[in-house]
């Protein structure tokens, strides 16, 4: 089983897209898990959250996420 982990995205949807593209190029994963700190930061929090919600990943709230939600 191939497991991939996302963490500390901090609202950087461009970096998130780059990581997801790289993961696809490497053959994907059987399970993709998000370890939080998704949207805090000055970049693109709304767009990042929309992308993550569309993926419907198992997600752990990070310490920054607790501050905004």
Foldseek 3Di string as FASTA:
>chain_A
DFEAEAEQQQQVVVVVVVVVVVCVVVPHGPAYEYEENFHHDDHHRVVRVVVVVVVVHHYDYDPNNVVVD
